[in-house]
Protein backbone atom coordinates (compact mmCIF):
# COMPACT_ATOMS: atom_id res chain seq x y z
CA ILE A 1 0.00 0.00 0.00
CA ASN A 2 1.57 3.29 -1.06
CA GLN A 3 0.82 6.62 0.50
CA LEU A 4 -0.80 9.20 -1.75
CA MET A 5 -1.56 11.88 0.78
CA LEU A 6 -1.21 11.69 4.56
CA LYS A 7 -3.26 13.77 6.90
CA ARG A 8 -0.81 16.37 8.19
CA ASP A 9 -1.97 16.36 11.81
CA ASP A 10 -1.54 12.59 12.12
CA LEU A 11 1.84 12.68 10.39
CA TRP A 12 3.09 15.46 12.70
CA ILE A 13 1.91 13.65 15.85
CA PHE A 14 3.39 10.24 15.02
CA THR A 15 6.63 11.73 13.67
CA SER A 16 7.05 13.83 16.83
CA ILE A 17 6.45 10.84 19.11
CA THR A 18 8.93 8.77 17.09
CA ALA A 19 11.52 11.56 17.31
CA ILE A 20 11.06 11.79 21.10
CA PHE A 21 11.59 8.03 21.42
CA ASP A 22 14.70 8.36 19.21
CA ILE A 23 16.16 11.22 21.27
CA ILE A 24 15.69 9.21 24.48
CA SER A 25 17.24 6.15 22.80
CA VAL A 26 20.32 7.87 21.39
CA ASN A 27 21.05 9.67 24.67
CA THR A 28 20.58 6.43 26.61
CA ALA A 29 23.06 4.77 24.25
CA PHE A 30 25.44 7.71 24.74
CA LEU A 31 25.31 7.42 28.55
CA PHE A 32 25.66 3.64 28.38
CA ALA A 33 28.72 3.92 26.10
CA PHE A 34 30.28 6.56 28.38
CA TRP A 35 29.81 4.31 31.42
CA ILE A 36 31.18 1.19 29.66
CA ARG A 37 34.19 3.07 28.31
CA PHE A 38 35.26 4.98 31.39
CA TYR A 39 33.56 3.70 34.55
CA ALA A 40 32.84 -0.03 34.16
CA ASN A 41 36.52 -0.96 34.61
CA LEU A 42 36.33 -3.14 31.51
CA ILE A 43 38.61 -1.08 29.26
CA PRO A 44 41.93 0.53 30.31
CA THR A 45 41.97 4.34 30.47
CA PRO A 46 45.67 5.26 30.10
CA LYS A 47 44.83 8.95 29.50
CA GLY A 48 42.64 9.15 32.58
CA ILE A 49 38.90 9.38 33.03
CA PRO A 50 37.31 12.52 31.53
CA THR A 51 34.55 14.37 33.32
CA PHE A 52 31.05 13.88 32.00
CA GLY A 53 30.88 17.66 31.51
CA SER A 54 33.48 17.39 28.76
CA TYR A 55 31.13 15.06 26.86
CA ILE A 56 28.00 17.19 27.12
CA LEU A 57 28.85 19.20 23.99
CA PRO A 58 29.52 16.03 21.93
CA MET A 59 26.21 14.60 23.18
CA VAL A 60 24.34 17.72 22.02
CA PHE A 61 25.98 17.62 18.57
CA ILE A 62 25.35 13.88 18.23
CA THR A 63 21.66 14.34 19.07
CA ILE A 64 21.27 17.10 16.47
CA LEU A 65 23.15 15.13 13.80
CA PHE A 66 21.13 12.06 14.71
CA LEU A 67 17.80 13.75 13.99
CA ILE A 68 19.05 15.34 10.75
CA ILE A 69 20.49 12.09 9.38
CA PHE A 70 17.46 10.04 10.39
CA ARG A 71 15.27 12.56 8.59
CA LEU A 72 17.43 12.45 5.44
CA ILE A 73 17.59 8.64 5.45
CA GLY A 74 13.78 8.53 5.59
CA LEU A 75 13.32 7.04 9.05
CA TYR A 76 10.51 9.50 9.80
CA ASN A 77 8.53 8.53 6.71
CA GLN A 78 5.50 6.28 7.14
CA ASP A 79 6.85 3.61 4.77
CA LYS A 80 6.32 0.14 6.24
CA ASN A 81 7.83 -1.73 3.31
CA LYS A 82 11.46 -0.83 4.03
CA ASN A 83 13.74 -2.75 6.40
CA LYS A 84 14.01 -0.39 9.36
CA PHE A 85 16.95 -2.25 10.94
CA ILE A 86 19.09 -1.76 7.83
CA GLN A 87 18.04 1.90 7.65
CA ILE A 88 18.86 2.45 11.33
CA THR A 89 22.27 0.77 10.96
CA LYS A 90 23.05 2.88 7.91
CA ALA A 91 21.90 6.10 9.58
CA ILE A 92 23.90 5.54 12.78
CA SER A 93 26.98 4.61 10.74
CA PHE A 94 26.63 7.91 8.84
CA LEU A 95 26.17 9.63 12.19
CA ILE A 96 29.49 8.30 13.52
CA VAL A 97 31.33 9.31 10.33
CA ALA A 98 29.74 12.78 10.40
CA PHE A 99 30.63 13.24 14.07
CA MET A 100 34.25 12.12 13.54
CA THR A 101 34.49 14.61 10.67
CA LEU A 102 33.12 17.29 12.98
CA THR A 103 35.71 16.49 15.68
CA PHE A 104 38.44 16.76 13.06
CA LEU A 105 37.27 20.22 11.98
CA TYR A 106 36.53 21.54 15.48
CA LYS A 107 39.20 20.46 17.96
CA GLU A 108 37.15 21.65 20.96
CA ILE A 109 34.76 18.75 20.27
CA SER A 110 36.48 15.46 20.96
CA SER A 111 35.71 11.93 22.09
CA SER A 112 37.33 8.52 22.43
CA ARG A 113 37.25 6.30 19.34
CA ILE A 114 36.58 3.28 21.54
CA PHE A 115 33.68 5.22 23.05
CA LEU A 116 32.32 5.92 19.55
CA ALA A 117 32.57 2.22 18.63
CA ILE A 118 30.60 1.25 21.75
CA PHE A 119 28.13 4.06 21.08
CA TRP A 120 27.67 2.87 17.47
CA LEU A 121 26.75 -0.67 18.53
CA SER A 122 24.61 0.31 21.53
CA SER A 123 22.74 2.94 19.46
CA ILE A 124 21.76 0.41 16.80
CA ILE A 125 20.51 -2.03 19.45
CA ILE A 126 18.71 0.50 21.68
CA VAL A 127 17.11 2.50 18.86
CA THR A 128 15.90 -0.67 17.13
CA LEU A 129 14.45 -2.09 20.37
CA THR A 130 12.84 1.21 21.34
CA ARG A 131 11.22 1.63 17.92
CA GLY A 132 9.98 -1.95 18.16
CA LEU A 133 8.48 -1.19 21.57
CA TYR A 134 6.82 1.95 20.23
CA LYS A 135 5.37 -0.05 17.33
CA ILE A 136 3.91 -2.59 19.77
CA ILE A 137 2.43 0.20 21.93
CA LYS A 138 0.93 1.93 18.89
CA ARG A 139 -0.55 -1.33 17.62
CA SER A 140 -1.97 -2.11 21.07
CA LEU A 141 -3.61 1.29 21.20
CA ALA A 142 -5.01 0.72 17.72
CA VAL A 143 -6.42 -2.67 18.73
CA SER A 144 -8.02 -1.07 21.79
CA ARG A 145 -9.54 1.47 19.33
CA ILE A 146 -7.85 4.45 20.94
CA PHE A 147 -6.02 5.38 17.75
CA ILE A 148 -7.78 3.18 15.21
CA LYS A 149 -8.66 4.94 11.95
CA ARG A 150 -12.17 4.39 10.63
CA SER A 151 -11.69 3.81 6.93
CA LEU A 152 -13.54 3.48 3.65
CA LEU A 153 -12.43 1.25 0.78
CA ILE A 154 -13.19 2.10 -2.85
CA SER A 155 -12.54 -0.85 -5.16
CA LYS A 156 -14.27 -3.01 -7.76
CA LYS A 157 -13.87 -6.15 -5.66
CA GLU A 158 -13.12 -6.77 -2.01
CA THR A 159 -10.85 -9.81 -2.63
CA ASN A 160 -8.45 -9.85 0.34
CA LEU A 161 -7.85 -6.11 0.47
CA ILE A 162 -9.77 -5.56 3.71
CA LYS A 163 -7.74 -8.21 5.53
CA ARG A 164 -4.49 -6.74 4.22
CA ILE A 165 -5.43 -3.21 5.28
CA GLU A 166 -6.66 -4.22 8.73
CA ALA A 167 -3.64 -6.46 9.37
CA SER A 168 -1.59 -3.48 10.61
CA GLY A 169 -4.09 -2.86 13.40
CA GLU A 170 -4.23 0.85 12.52
CA TYR A 171 -7.26 0.81 10.22
CA LYS A 172 -10.79 -0.56 10.33
CA ILE A 173 -12.73 -0.74 7.06
CA ILE A 174 -16.22 0.49 7.95
CA ILE A 175 -17.60 0.82 4.42
CA HIS A 176 -16.73 -0.74 1.05
CA LEU A 177 -17.90 1.06 -2.09
CA THR A 178 -17.44 0.36 -5.78
CA PRO A 179 -16.25 3.22 -8.07
CA ASN A 180 -19.70 3.49 -9.70
CA LYS A 181 -21.55 3.97 -6.40
CA LEU A 182 -20.10 7.18 -5.00
CA ASP A 183 -23.09 9.50 -5.29
CA ASN A 184 -23.58 9.94 -1.52
CA ILE A 185 -19.96 9.43 -0.49
CA ARG A 186 -19.65 12.72 1.40
CA GLU A 187 -22.73 11.92 3.44
CA ILE A 188 -21.44 8.39 4.13
CA ILE A 189 -18.10 9.78 5.29
CA ASN A 190 -19.67 12.26 7.70
CA LYS A 191 -22.19 9.75 9.04
CA ASN A 192 -19.57 7.06 9.76
CA GLY A 193 -16.72 9.27 10.97
CA ILE A 194 -14.36 8.18 8.20
CA SER A 195 -10.81 9.55 8.42
CA THR A 196 -9.02 7.43 5.78
CA ILE A 197 -10.01 6.43 2.24
CA PHE A 198 -8.28 3.54 0.47
CA ILE A 199 -8.62 3.64 -3.32
CA SER A 200 -7.95 0.58 -5.49
CA ILE A 201 -8.26 1.39 -9.19
CA THR A 202 -6.02 0.95 -12.22
CA ASP A 203 -3.22 3.35 -13.19
CA ASN A 204 -5.17 4.71 -16.18
CA GLN A 205 -7.92 6.01 -13.88
CA GLN A 206 -6.05 9.04 -12.51
CA ASP A 207 -8.94 11.33 -13.43
CA LYS A 208 -11.19 9.14 -11.31
CA ILE A 209 -8.82 9.51 -8.34
CA ILE A 210 -8.80 13.30 -8.66
CA SER A 211 -12.59 13.29 -8.95
CA ILE A 212 -12.91 11.22 -5.77
CA ILE A 213 -10.59 13.53 -3.84
CA ASN A 214 -12.41 16.63 -5.06
CA THR A 215 -15.76 15.07 -4.13
CA THR A 216 -14.80 13.86 -0.65
CA GLY A 217 -12.64 16.84 0.35
CA HIS A 218 -8.98 17.42 1.16
CA ASP A 219 -9.29 16.98 4.94
CA LEU A 220 -9.01 13.19 4.72
CA ASP A 221 -6.14 10.71 4.51
CA TYR A 222 -6.01 9.12 1.02
CA LYS A 223 -4.07 5.97 0.19
CA ILE A 224 -3.70 4.30 -3.21
CA ILE A 225 -3.50 0.52 -3.20
């Protein structure tokens, strides 16, 4: 299922929550790596143990770079078809390279390479686990109908589309209409509290898609199947 147009309020809310989870995750990984490197007595510290205050500035820069790179990689897009683990690994690897470049250009920002290696591994693990936990929470809320989206399906045949759409736990198909029975669609939408419309028609029916959107209004979430 590809996204045609996502309701901006929903996108902003879920993206913001995901970003908050990510910020908590990356800073948790940072603190964990700092403790393992300097205070767990597992790795020698021939140059002494730095104060945590000297790592606050690197933590701030890492958090900012983290959000920028995750955004550029596409980890805040609502695309469920991509392998998130691979994307997260790639993004955090870019993050480490970008931060090392930054430390080379600005000598006042520095950190241990062993620390960065531990941070790289712990970030991948913690961010992946945290995002998995958030996904479970979101799905649980959807199942309990707190965040479930009442939806309408427009297609010639039902086939197994309804099961596929509802499998995510985020949507509930309330009404199924065929493309030739859309006369009272606006009334049906208002009466049933529809927030999302799934449209399944062939590629050569773009005019039909535009007509449906113009008829139903631009305040809904449209998805092309």
